[in-house]
Amino acid sequence: MKHLVIVVLFLATFFSCKQATNKGYKPEIISTEIDSIKSFSVIEKDSAYVLTYKSSKQNLPNGTIVFRYSNEKENFAFLYDTANRIYKGVFNRADTITLDLEVVKFYSVNGKDYKLLKLIGNKNVTDGGMLFFFNPDFGLLISQSNTWRIGKIFNPEKNSIDYVQKTALLYKILTDESMFAPPLTKIKKYTFPKFE
């Protein structure tokens, strides 16, 4: 009896796999590009230093782009759902926040347009709001706290072919004052105080 059950399970597995291949079953393919190493200049209060991250970019079949960054101090990732325009940040593998899209802007460098997304984390939080400047090709370019004196700026690799373009793009973003204006809270109705 035991042998009969094993044979039946084996045949069921064999035929179910065979039927899946006959019906044109195609496994989901995840395109992964390991970008190698990216470095950021980090500013924290009164100190500045450079941190290096292992980074990867994944293009998932549903149109989601995932950028991952990790080193011995921290891990974070950005998920960019192109179809539904949903943006999320995952920090230290546990804290997931939804990022609000504030601005989409194009910067032209040497005749090529680069898309920039200004994303805001914890938008209406008094203590803890963050700005993220993100490019769908390169990933995170700049992050800045709205409250604290902390931030990160991407350092393009000097030996890369597009070093000049990335450096010029960063310069254009950093000198665009409108991109760094703090977001305004939408006031539904304002009433003037009464003086008697």
N, C-alpha and C. Protein backbone atom coordinates (compact mmCIF):
# COMPACT_ATOMS: atom_id res chain seq x y z
N MET A 1 0.82 -1.19 0.00
CA MET A 1 0.00 0.00 0.00
C MET A 1 0.87 1.26 0.00
N LYS A 2 1.95 1.23 0.80
CA LYS A 2 2.84 2.37 0.89
C LYS A 2 3.50 2.65 -0.47
N HIS A 3 3.88 1.60 -1.17
CA HIS A 3 4.51 1.76 -2.47
C HIS A 3 3.53 2.30 -3.50
N LEU A 4 2.28 1.92 -3.39
CA LEU A 4 1.26 2.40 -4.31
C LEU A 4 1.06 3.91 -4.13
N VAL A 5 1.05 4.40 -2.89
CA VAL A 5 0.88 5.82 -2.62
C VAL A 5 2.06 6.61 -3.19
N ILE A 6 3.27 6.09 -3.05
CA ILE A 6 4.46 6.76 -3.57
C ILE A 6 4.41 6.83 -5.09
N VAL A 7 4.01 5.74 -5.74
CA VAL A 7 3.91 5.73 -7.21
C VAL A 7 2.86 6.72 -7.68
N VAL A 8 1.71 6.77 -7.01
CA VAL A 8 0.64 7.70 -7.40
C VAL A 8 1.11 9.15 -7.24
N LEU A 9 1.78 9.47 -6.13
CA LEU A 9 2.30 10.82 -5.95
C LEU A 9 3.33 11.17 -7.00
N PHE A 10 4.21 10.24 -7.34
CA PHE A 10 5.21 10.48 -8.36
C PHE A 10 4.56 10.76 -9.72
N LEU A 11 3.58 9.93 -10.09
CA LEU A 11 2.89 10.13 -11.38
C LEU A 11 2.12 11.45 -11.41
N ALA A 12 1.48 11.80 -10.28
CA ALA A 12 0.74 13.06 -10.24
C ALA A 12 1.70 14.24 -10.41
N THR A 13 2.85 14.18 -9.77
CA THR A 13 3.85 15.24 -9.92
C THR A 13 4.37 15.30 -11.34
N PHE A 14 4.66 14.13 -11.92
CA PHE A 14 5.19 14.07 -13.28
C PHE A 14 4.21 14.67 -14.29
N PHE A 15 2.94 14.26 -14.19
CA PHE A 15 1.96 14.74 -15.16
C PHE A 15 1.62 16.22 -14.95
N SER A 16 1.61 16.68 -13.71
CA SER A 16 1.30 18.10 -13.49
C SER A 16 2.42 18.97 -14.05
N CYS A 17 3.65 18.54 -13.92
CA CYS A 17 4.76 19.30 -14.51
C CYS A 17 4.71 19.25 -16.02
N LYS A 18 4.39 18.09 -16.56
CA LYS A 18 4.33 17.94 -18.00
C LYS A 18 3.20 18.78 -18.59
N GLN A 19 2.04 18.83 -17.92
CA GLN A 19 0.93 19.64 -18.42
C GLN A 19 1.29 21.12 -18.39
N ALA A 20 2.01 21.54 -17.39
CA ALA A 20 2.38 22.96 -17.32
C ALA A 20 3.27 23.35 -18.47
N THR A 21 4.20 22.47 -18.88
CA THR A 21 5.07 22.80 -19.99
C THR A 21 4.32 22.73 -21.30
N ASN A 22 3.33 21.85 -21.41
CA ASN A 22 2.56 21.75 -22.65
C ASN A 22 1.64 22.96 -22.84
N LYS A 23 1.22 23.59 -21.78
CA LYS A 23 0.32 24.73 -21.90
C LYS A 23 1.07 26.03 -22.14
N GLY A 24 2.34 25.95 -22.41
CA GLY A 24 3.09 27.17 -22.68
C GLY A 24 3.48 27.91 -21.42
N TYR A 25 3.62 27.20 -20.33
CA TYR A 25 3.99 27.82 -19.06
C TYR A 25 5.39 28.41 -19.18
N LYS A 26 5.48 29.68 -18.79
CA LYS A 26 6.78 30.35 -18.78
C LYS A 26 7.02 30.87 -17.38
N PRO A 27 8.10 30.48 -16.75
CA PRO A 27 8.36 31.00 -15.41
C PRO A 27 8.65 32.50 -15.47
N GLU A 28 8.31 33.21 -14.38
CA GLU A 28 8.60 34.64 -14.32
C GLU A 28 10.10 34.84 -14.27
N ILE A 29 10.58 35.69 -15.14
CA ILE A 29 12.01 35.95 -15.20
C ILE A 29 12.27 37.31 -14.56
N ILE A 30 13.18 37.32 -13.63
CA ILE A 30 13.55 38.57 -12.98
C ILE A 30 14.88 38.99 -13.56
N SER A 31 14.90 40.16 -14.15
CA SER A 31 16.12 40.71 -14.70
C SER A 31 16.87 41.44 -13.60
N THR A 32 18.05 40.97 -13.26
CA THR A 32 18.82 41.58 -12.19
C THR A 32 20.11 42.14 -12.74
N GLU A 33 20.39 43.36 -12.37
CA GLU A 33 21.65 43.99 -12.72
C GLU A 33 22.36 44.33 -11.43
N ILE A 34 23.47 43.70 -11.15
CA ILE A 34 24.25 44.07 -9.97
C ILE A 34 25.17 45.20 -10.41
N ASP A 35 24.93 46.38 -9.87
CA ASP A 35 25.68 47.55 -10.29
C ASP A 35 27.06 47.64 -9.67
N SER A 36 27.33 46.85 -8.70
CA SER A 36 28.59 46.84 -7.95
C SER A 36 28.53 47.81 -6.79
N ILE A 37 29.40 48.79 -6.79
CA ILE A 37 29.58 49.64 -5.63
C ILE A 37 29.15 51.07 -5.95
N LYS A 38 28.41 51.69 -5.02
CA LYS A 38 28.07 53.12 -5.13
C LYS A 38 28.47 53.78 -3.83
N SER A 39 28.97 54.99 -3.95
CA SER A 39 29.33 55.70 -2.73
C SER A 39 28.52 56.99 -2.62
N PHE A 40 28.31 57.39 -1.37
CA PHE A 40 27.56 58.59 -1.05
C PHE A 40 28.36 59.43 -0.07
N SER A 41 28.32 60.73 -0.25
CA SER A 41 28.83 61.64 0.77
C SER A 41 27.71 61.79 1.78
N VAL A 42 28.03 61.55 3.03
CA VAL A 42 27.02 61.58 4.09
C VAL A 42 27.31 62.77 5.00
N ILE A 43 26.28 63.53 5.28
CA ILE A 43 26.39 64.66 6.18
C ILE A 43 25.50 64.36 7.38
N GLU A 44 26.08 64.38 8.57
CA GLU A 44 25.33 64.17 9.80
C GLU A 44 25.73 65.25 10.79
N LYS A 45 24.83 66.15 11.06
CA LYS A 45 25.06 67.28 11.97
C LYS A 45 26.32 68.03 11.58
N ASP A 46 27.39 67.88 12.35
CA ASP A 46 28.62 68.64 12.07
C ASP A 46 29.72 67.78 11.45
N SER A 47 29.41 66.59 10.99
CA SER A 47 30.43 65.74 10.39
C SER A 47 30.04 65.33 8.97
N ALA A 48 31.05 65.01 8.20
CA ALA A 48 30.83 64.55 6.82
C ALA A 48 31.81 63.41 6.54
N TYR A 49 31.33 62.40 5.83
CA TYR A 49 32.17 61.25 5.49
C TYR A 49 31.57 60.56 4.27
N VAL A 50 32.29 59.58 3.75
CA VAL A 50 31.84 58.85 2.57
C VAL A 50 31.50 57.42 3.00
N LEU A 51 30.33 56.93 2.56
CA LEU A 51 29.93 55.55 2.79
C LEU A 51 29.80 54.85 1.45
N THR A 52 30.23 53.61 1.42
CA THR A 52 30.16 52.80 0.20
C THR A 52 29.11 51.71 0.40
N TYR A 53 28.29 51.48 -0.64
CA TYR A 53 27.22 50.50 -0.58
C TYR A 53 27.36 49.52 -1.74
N LYS A 54 27.01 48.27 -1.49
CA LYS A 54 26.76 47.34 -2.59
C LYS A 54 25.37 47.69 -3.08
N SER A 55 25.21 47.80 -4.36
CA SER A 55 23.90 48.19 -4.88
C SER A 55 23.48 47.24 -5.99
N SER A 56 22.18 47.09 -6.12
CA SER A 56 21.64 46.28 -7.20
C SER A 56 20.34 46.90 -7.69
N LYS A 57 20.05 46.62 -8.92
CA LYS A 57 18.80 47.08 -9.54
C LYS A 57 18.10 45.86 -10.10
N GLN A 58 16.81 45.70 -9.79
CA GLN A 58 16.01 44.61 -10.32
C GLN A 58 14.83 45.17 -11.08
N ASN A 59 14.57 44.63 -12.26
CA ASN A 59 13.38 44.96 -13.02
C ASN A 59 12.45 43.75 -12.94
N LEU A 60 11.38 43.86 -12.17
CA LEU A 60 10.46 42.75 -12.00
C LEU A 60 9.48 42.71 -13.17
N PRO A 61 8.91 41.54 -13.46
CA PRO A 61 8.01 41.41 -14.61
C PRO A 61 6.78 42.30 -14.56
N ASN A 62 6.31 42.68 -13.37
CA ASN A 62 5.11 43.52 -13.27
C ASN A 62 5.41 45.00 -13.47
N GLY A 63 6.66 45.34 -13.82
CA GLY A 63 7.01 46.74 -14.06
C GLY A 63 7.61 47.44 -12.87
N THR A 64 7.79 46.73 -11.77
CA THR A 64 8.37 47.33 -10.58
C THR A 64 9.89 47.32 -10.68
N ILE A 65 10.50 48.43 -10.32
CA ILE A 65 11.95 48.54 -10.28
C ILE A 65 12.35 48.60 -8.81
N VAL A 66 13.33 47.79 -8.43
CA VAL A 66 13.80 47.75 -7.05
C VAL A 66 15.28 48.09 -7.03
N PHE A 67 15.64 49.11 -6.25
CA PHE A 67 17.03 49.46 -6.02
C PHE A 67 17.36 49.09 -4.57
N ARG A 68 18.43 48.29 -4.39
CA ARG A 68 18.84 47.88 -3.04
C ARG A 68 20.24 48.41 -2.75
N TYR A 69 20.44 48.86 -1.52
CA TYR A 69 21.73 49.37 -1.07
C TYR A 69 22.05 48.70 0.27
N SER A 70 23.28 48.23 0.44
CA SER A 70 23.63 47.62 1.72
C SER A 70 25.13 47.79 2.00
N ASN A 71 25.42 47.94 3.27
CA ASN A 71 26.80 47.91 3.76
C ASN A 71 26.75 47.42 5.20
N GLU A 72 27.86 47.49 5.91
CA GLU A 72 27.88 46.96 7.27
C GLU A 72 27.07 47.81 8.26
N LYS A 73 26.77 49.07 7.92
CA LYS A 73 26.02 49.95 8.82
C LYS A 73 24.50 49.90 8.61
N GLU A 74 24.09 49.82 7.36
CA GLU A 74 22.66 49.91 7.08
C GLU A 74 22.29 49.24 5.77
N ASN A 75 21.00 48.96 5.63
CA ASN A 75 20.41 48.42 4.40
C ASN A 75 19.16 49.22 4.10
N PHE A 76 18.98 49.55 2.84
CA PHE A 76 17.73 50.19 2.46
C PHE A 76 17.44 49.88 1.00
N ALA A 77 16.18 50.05 0.63
CA ALA A 77 15.74 49.75 -0.74
C ALA A 77 14.62 50.71 -1.12
N PHE A 78 14.50 50.91 -2.43
CA PHE A 78 13.41 51.71 -2.98
C PHE A 78 12.68 50.87 -4.00
N LEU A 79 11.35 50.85 -3.92
CA LEU A 79 10.50 50.12 -4.86
C LEU A 79 9.72 51.14 -5.66
N TYR A 80 9.82 51.04 -6.97
CA TYR A 80 9.18 52.00 -7.87
C TYR A 80 8.27 51.21 -8.80
N ASP A 81 6.96 51.21 -8.51
CA ASP A 81 5.96 50.52 -9.32
C ASP A 81 5.57 51.46 -10.45
N THR A 82 6.12 51.23 -11.64
CA THR A 82 5.92 52.13 -12.77
C THR A 82 4.48 52.15 -13.26
N ALA A 83 3.79 51.02 -13.20
CA ALA A 83 2.42 50.96 -13.71
C ALA A 83 1.44 51.70 -12.81
N ASN A 84 1.57 51.53 -11.51
CA ASN A 84 0.61 52.11 -10.58
C ASN A 84 1.11 53.38 -9.91
N ARG A 85 2.34 53.77 -10.21
CA ARG A 85 2.96 54.97 -9.63
C ARG A 85 2.93 54.91 -8.10
N ILE A 86 3.40 53.78 -7.58
CA ILE A 86 3.50 53.58 -6.14
C ILE A 86 4.98 53.54 -5.80
N TYR A 87 5.37 54.29 -4.78
CA TYR A 87 6.76 54.39 -4.38
C TYR A 87 6.87 54.01 -2.91
N LYS A 88 7.82 53.14 -2.60
CA LYS A 88 8.02 52.72 -1.21
C LYS A 88 9.49 52.72 -0.88
N GLY A 89 9.78 52.94 0.37
CA GLY A 89 11.13 52.84 0.89
C GLY A 89 11.16 51.81 1.99
N VAL A 90 12.17 50.95 1.97
CA VAL A 90 12.34 49.94 3.02
C VAL A 90 13.68 50.23 3.67
N PHE A 91 13.65 50.50 4.97
CA PHE A 91 14.85 50.89 5.68
C PHE A 91 15.15 49.89 6.78
N ASN A 92 16.40 49.47 6.83
CA ASN A 92 16.87 48.47 7.80
C ASN A 92 16.01 47.20 7.79
N ARG A 93 15.55 46.81 6.62
CA ARG A 93 14.81 45.57 6.34
C ARG A 93 13.49 45.44 7.08
N ALA A 94 13.09 46.44 7.81
CA ALA A 94 11.84 46.30 8.57
C ALA A 94 10.90 47.48 8.38
N ASP A 95 11.43 48.67 8.36
CA ASP A 95 10.58 49.85 8.29
C ASP A 95 10.24 50.17 6.84
N THR A 96 8.99 49.95 6.48
CA THR A 96 8.52 50.26 5.12
C THR A 96 7.63 51.48 5.19
N ILE A 97 7.97 52.47 4.37
CA ILE A 97 7.14 53.67 4.32
C ILE A 97 6.73 53.93 2.88
N THR A 98 5.54 54.48 2.72
CA THR A 98 5.07 54.90 1.41
C THR A 98 5.62 56.29 1.15
N LEU A 99 6.17 56.47 -0.03
CA LEU A 99 6.74 57.75 -0.40
C LEU A 99 5.76 58.48 -1.31
N ASP A 100 5.52 59.75 -1.02
CA ASP A 100 4.62 60.57 -1.83
C ASP A 100 5.41 61.23 -2.94
N LEU A 101 4.89 61.17 -4.15
CA LEU A 101 5.52 61.83 -5.29
C LEU A 101 5.16 63.31 -5.24
N GLU A 102 6.17 64.15 -5.07
CA GLU A 102 5.95 65.60 -4.98
C GLU A 102 6.14 66.27 -6.34
N VAL A 103 7.23 65.92 -7.04
CA VAL A 103 7.56 66.59 -8.30
C VAL A 103 8.19 65.57 -9.26
N VAL A 104 7.84 65.68 -10.53
CA VAL A 104 8.55 64.98 -11.60
C VAL A 104 9.14 66.06 -12.49
N LYS A 105 10.44 66.01 -12.68
CA LYS A 105 11.10 67.06 -13.46
C LYS A 105 12.15 66.42 -14.36
N PHE A 106 12.38 67.03 -15.51
CA PHE A 106 13.41 66.56 -16.43
C PHE A 106 14.52 67.59 -16.50
N TYR A 107 15.75 67.10 -16.41
CA TYR A 107 16.93 67.96 -16.55
C TYR A 107 17.67 67.51 -17.80
N SER A 108 18.08 68.46 -18.60
CA SER A 108 18.81 68.17 -19.83
C SER A 108 20.30 68.35 -19.59
N VAL A 109 21.07 67.31 -19.91
CA VAL A 109 22.52 67.35 -19.79
C VAL A 109 23.10 66.82 -21.10
N ASN A 110 23.85 67.67 -21.80
CA ASN A 110 24.45 67.30 -23.09
C ASN A 110 23.43 66.73 -24.07
N GLY A 111 22.26 67.33 -24.11
CA GLY A 111 21.24 66.92 -25.06
C GLY A 111 20.42 65.71 -24.65
N LYS A 112 20.71 65.13 -23.48
CA LYS A 112 19.94 63.97 -23.01
C LYS A 112 19.12 64.40 -21.80
N ASP A 113 17.84 63.97 -21.79
CA ASP A 113 16.96 64.30 -20.68
C ASP A 113 17.02 63.22 -19.61
N TYR A 114 17.13 63.66 -18.36
CA TYR A 114 17.15 62.77 -17.21
C TYR A 114 15.94 63.07 -16.35
N LYS A 115 15.19 62.03 -16.02
CA LYS A 115 13.99 62.17 -15.22
C LYS A 115 14.38 62.18 -13.74
N LEU A 116 13.79 63.10 -13.00
CA LEU A 116 14.02 63.16 -11.57
C LEU A 116 12.69 63.13 -10.84
N LEU A 117 12.60 62.27 -9.84
CA LEU A 117 11.42 62.18 -8.99
C LEU A 117 11.79 62.71 -7.62
N LYS A 118 11.02 63.66 -7.14
CA LYS A 118 11.19 64.15 -5.77
C LYS A 118 10.14 63.43 -4.94
N LEU A 119 10.60 62.55 -4.05
CA LEU A 119 9.73 61.74 -3.22
C LEU A 119 9.84 62.21 -1.77
N ILE A 120 8.73 62.17 -1.06
CA ILE A 120 8.72 62.61 0.33
C ILE A 120 8.26 61.45 1.21
N GLY A 121 9.07 61.15 2.21
CA GLY A 121 8.70 60.15 3.22
C GLY A 121 8.21 60.84 4.47
N ASN A 122 7.16 60.32 5.07
CA ASN A 122 6.57 60.92 6.27
C ASN A 122 6.21 62.39 6.02
N LYS A 123 5.42 62.61 4.99
CA LYS A 123 5.15 63.96 4.50
C LYS A 123 4.58 64.91 5.55
N ASN A 124 3.61 64.49 6.29
CA ASN A 124 2.98 65.39 7.24
C ASN A 124 3.43 65.16 8.67
N VAL A 125 4.59 64.55 8.82
CA VAL A 125 5.14 64.31 10.15
C VAL A 125 6.06 65.47 10.49
N THR A 126 5.88 66.04 11.66
CA THR A 126 6.67 67.21 12.06
C THR A 126 8.14 66.86 12.22
N ASP A 127 8.42 65.74 12.87
CA ASP A 127 9.79 65.37 13.17
C ASP A 127 10.12 64.05 12.48
N GLY A 128 10.68 64.11 11.30
CA GLY A 128 11.05 62.86 10.64
C GLY A 128 10.78 62.83 9.15
N GLY A 129 10.35 63.92 8.55
CA GLY A 129 10.12 63.95 7.11
C GLY A 129 11.43 63.89 6.35
N MET A 130 11.44 63.17 5.24
CA MET A 130 12.65 63.01 4.42
C MET A 130 12.33 63.30 2.95
N LEU A 131 13.27 63.91 2.26
CA LEU A 131 13.19 64.11 0.81
C LEU A 131 14.13 63.11 0.15
N PHE A 132 13.67 62.49 -0.92
CA PHE A 132 14.49 61.57 -1.71
C PHE A 132 14.41 62.02 -3.16
N PHE A 133 15.56 62.23 -3.77
CA PHE A 133 15.64 62.59 -5.19
C PHE A 133 16.14 61.35 -5.91
N PHE A 134 15.34 60.89 -6.84
CA PHE A 134 15.48 59.55 -7.38
C PHE A 134 15.42 59.59 -8.89
N ASN A 135 16.30 58.86 -9.55
CA ASN A 135 16.27 58.70 -11.01
C ASN A 135 16.00 57.23 -11.31
N PRO A 136 15.03 56.91 -12.19
CA PRO A 136 14.71 55.51 -12.48
C PRO A 136 15.86 54.71 -13.08
N ASP A 137 16.86 55.38 -13.66
CA ASP A 137 18.01 54.66 -14.21
C ASP A 137 19.14 54.48 -13.19
N PHE A 138 19.42 55.52 -12.43
CA PHE A 138 20.56 55.52 -11.52
C PHE A 138 20.18 55.15 -10.09
N GLY A 139 18.93 55.37 -9.69
CA GLY A 139 18.52 55.12 -8.32
C GLY A 139 18.57 56.39 -7.49
N LEU A 140 18.92 56.24 -6.22
CA LEU A 140 18.95 57.37 -5.29
C LEU A 140 20.10 58.30 -5.65
N LEU A 141 19.78 59.60 -5.75
CA LEU A 141 20.80 60.61 -6.01
C LEU A 141 21.06 61.45 -4.76
N ILE A 142 19.99 61.87 -4.08
CA ILE A 142 20.13 62.73 -2.91
C ILE A 142 19.03 62.35 -1.91
N SER A 143 19.38 62.36 -0.64
CA SER A 143 18.36 62.28 0.41
C SER A 143 18.66 63.37 1.43
N GLN A 144 17.60 63.90 2.01
CA GLN A 144 17.76 65.01 2.95
C GLN A 144 16.64 64.97 3.97
N SER A 145 16.97 65.19 5.22
CA SER A 145 15.97 65.29 6.27
C SER A 145 15.36 66.69 6.24
N ASN A 146 14.05 66.76 6.46
CA ASN A 146 13.39 68.06 6.56
C ASN A 146 13.57 68.68 7.94
N THR A 147 14.01 67.89 8.90
CA THR A 147 14.11 68.35 10.27
C THR A 147 15.54 68.43 10.77
N TRP A 148 16.30 67.39 10.52
CA TRP A 148 17.65 67.26 11.06
C TRP A 148 18.69 67.59 10.00
N ARG A 149 19.89 67.88 10.43
CA ARG A 149 20.98 68.18 9.50
C ARG A 149 21.66 66.90 9.06
N ILE A 150 20.92 66.07 8.32
CA ILE A 150 21.49 64.84 7.79
C ILE A 150 21.07 64.68 6.33
N GLY A 151 21.91 64.03 5.57
CA GLY A 151 21.60 63.78 4.17
C GLY A 151 22.68 62.96 3.49
N LYS A 152 22.37 62.54 2.28
CA LYS A 152 23.31 61.77 1.45
C LYS A 152 23.31 62.35 0.05
N ILE A 153 24.49 62.38 -0.57
CA ILE A 153 24.61 62.81 -1.96
C ILE A 153 25.43 61.76 -2.70
N PHE A 154 24.89 61.28 -3.80
CA PHE A 154 25.55 60.25 -4.60
C PHE A 154 26.87 60.79 -5.16
N ASN A 155 27.92 59.97 -5.08
CA ASN A 155 29.22 60.30 -5.66
C ASN A 155 29.42 59.45 -6.92
N PRO A 156 29.31 60.03 -8.10
CA PRO A 156 29.52 59.23 -9.32
C PRO A 156 30.95 58.68 -9.38
N GLU A 157 31.07 57.48 -9.90
CA GLU A 157 32.38 56.85 -10.03
C GLU A 157 33.17 57.55 -11.13
N LYS A 158 34.38 57.99 -10.80
CA LYS A 158 35.17 58.80 -11.74
C LYS A 158 35.58 58.04 -12.99
N ASN A 159 35.67 56.73 -12.92
CA ASN A 159 36.09 55.94 -14.09
C ASN A 159 34.94 55.55 -15.00
N SER A 160 33.70 55.89 -14.62
CA SER A 160 32.56 55.50 -15.46
C SER A 160 32.41 56.41 -16.67
N ILE A 161 31.79 55.90 -17.71
CA ILE A 161 31.64 56.66 -18.96
C ILE A 161 30.72 57.86 -18.78
N ASP A 162 29.74 57.74 -17.91
CA ASP A 162 28.78 58.82 -17.74
C ASP A 162 29.06 59.67 -16.49
N TYR A 163 30.31 59.71 -16.07
CA TYR A 163 30.69 60.50 -14.88
C TYR A 163 30.33 61.97 -15.04
N VAL A 164 30.65 62.55 -16.20
CA VAL A 164 30.38 63.97 -16.43
C VAL A 164 28.88 64.25 -16.42
N GLN A 165 28.09 63.38 -17.05
CA GLN A 165 26.64 63.58 -17.10
C GLN A 165 26.04 63.50 -15.69
N LYS A 166 26.46 62.49 -14.91
CA LYS A 166 25.92 62.35 -13.55
C LYS A 166 26.33 63.53 -12.67
N THR A 167 27.57 63.98 -12.81
CA THR A 167 28.03 65.12 -12.02
C THR A 167 27.26 66.38 -12.39
N ALA A 168 27.05 66.60 -13.69
CA ALA A 168 26.29 67.78 -14.14
C ALA A 168 24.83 67.69 -13.68
N LEU A 169 24.25 66.49 -13.73
CA LEU A 169 22.88 66.30 -13.26
C LEU A 169 22.77 66.63 -11.78
N LEU A 170 23.70 66.14 -10.98
CA LEU A 170 23.69 66.44 -9.55
C LEU A 170 23.83 67.94 -9.31
N TYR A 171 24.70 68.59 -10.06
CA TYR A 171 24.88 70.03 -9.92
C TYR A 171 23.58 70.78 -10.23
N LYS A 172 22.90 70.37 -11.31
CA LYS A 172 21.65 71.02 -11.68
C LYS A 172 20.59 70.84 -10.59
N ILE A 173 20.52 69.65 -10.02
CA ILE A 173 19.54 69.40 -8.96
C ILE A 173 19.87 70.22 -7.72
N LEU A 174 21.14 70.19 -7.30
CA LEU A 174 21.54 70.88 -6.08
C LEU A 174 21.42 72.39 -6.17
N THR A 175 21.47 72.93 -7.37
CA THR A 175 21.34 74.39 -7.52
C THR A 175 19.92 74.82 -7.87
N ASP A 176 19.00 73.88 -7.99
CA ASP A 176 17.60 74.19 -8.28
C ASP A 176 16.88 74.42 -6.95
N GLU A 177 16.76 75.68 -6.55
CA GLU A 177 16.19 76.02 -5.25
C GLU A 177 14.75 75.54 -5.10
N SER A 178 14.02 75.47 -6.19
CA SER A 178 12.62 75.04 -6.09
C SER A 178 12.50 73.58 -5.65
N MET A 179 13.52 72.78 -5.91
CA MET A 179 13.47 71.37 -5.52
C MET A 179 13.67 71.18 -4.02
N PHE A 180 14.30 72.13 -3.36
CA PHE A 180 14.60 71.98 -1.94
C PHE A 180 13.68 72.79 -1.05
N ALA A 181 12.68 73.42 -1.63
CA ALA A 181 11.71 74.13 -0.80
C ALA A 181 10.92 73.09 -0.01
N PRO A 182 10.75 73.29 1.30
CA PRO A 182 10.00 72.30 2.08
C PRO A 182 8.56 72.23 1.59
N PRO A 183 7.98 71.05 1.63
CA PRO A 183 6.59 70.92 1.17
C PRO A 183 5.65 71.68 2.09
N LEU A 184 4.66 72.30 1.47
CA LEU A 184 3.68 73.05 2.25
C LEU A 184 2.51 72.15 2.58
N THR A 185 2.07 72.23 3.82
CA THR A 185 0.90 71.47 4.23
C THR A 185 -0.32 72.15 3.65
N LYS A 186 -1.21 71.37 3.09
CA LYS A 186 -2.41 71.93 2.48
C LYS A 186 -3.40 72.31 3.58
N ILE A 187 -3.74 73.59 3.64
CA ILE A 187 -4.70 74.08 4.61
C ILE A 187 -6.06 74.11 3.94
N LYS A 188 -6.99 73.37 4.51
CA LYS A 188 -8.31 73.30 3.89
C LYS A 188 -9.08 74.61 4.03
N LYS A 189 -9.09 75.17 5.23
CA LYS A 189 -9.83 76.41 5.43
C LYS A 189 -9.11 77.20 6.51
N TYR A 190 -8.87 78.43 6.20
CA TYR A 190 -8.19 79.30 7.17
C TYR A 190 -9.15 80.38 7.60
N THR A 191 -9.31 80.56 8.88
CA THR A 191 -10.16 81.64 9.38
C THR A 191 -9.29 82.59 10.18
N PHE A 192 -9.48 83.86 9.93
CA PHE A 192 -8.71 84.87 10.63
C PHE A 192 -9.17 84.96 12.09
N PRO A 193 -8.24 85.22 13.01
CA PRO A 193 -8.67 85.34 14.41
C PRO A 193 -9.51 86.59 14.62
N LYS A 194 -10.41 86.53 15.55
CA LYS A 194 -11.28 87.67 15.85
C LYS A 194 -10.68 88.48 16.97
N PHE A 195 -10.62 89.78 16.76
CA PHE A 195 -10.13 90.69 17.78
C PHE A 195 -11.29 91.55 18.24
N GLU A 196 -11.48 91.63 19.54
CA GLU A 196 -12.59 92.44 20.06
C GLU A 196 -12.06 93.55 20.93
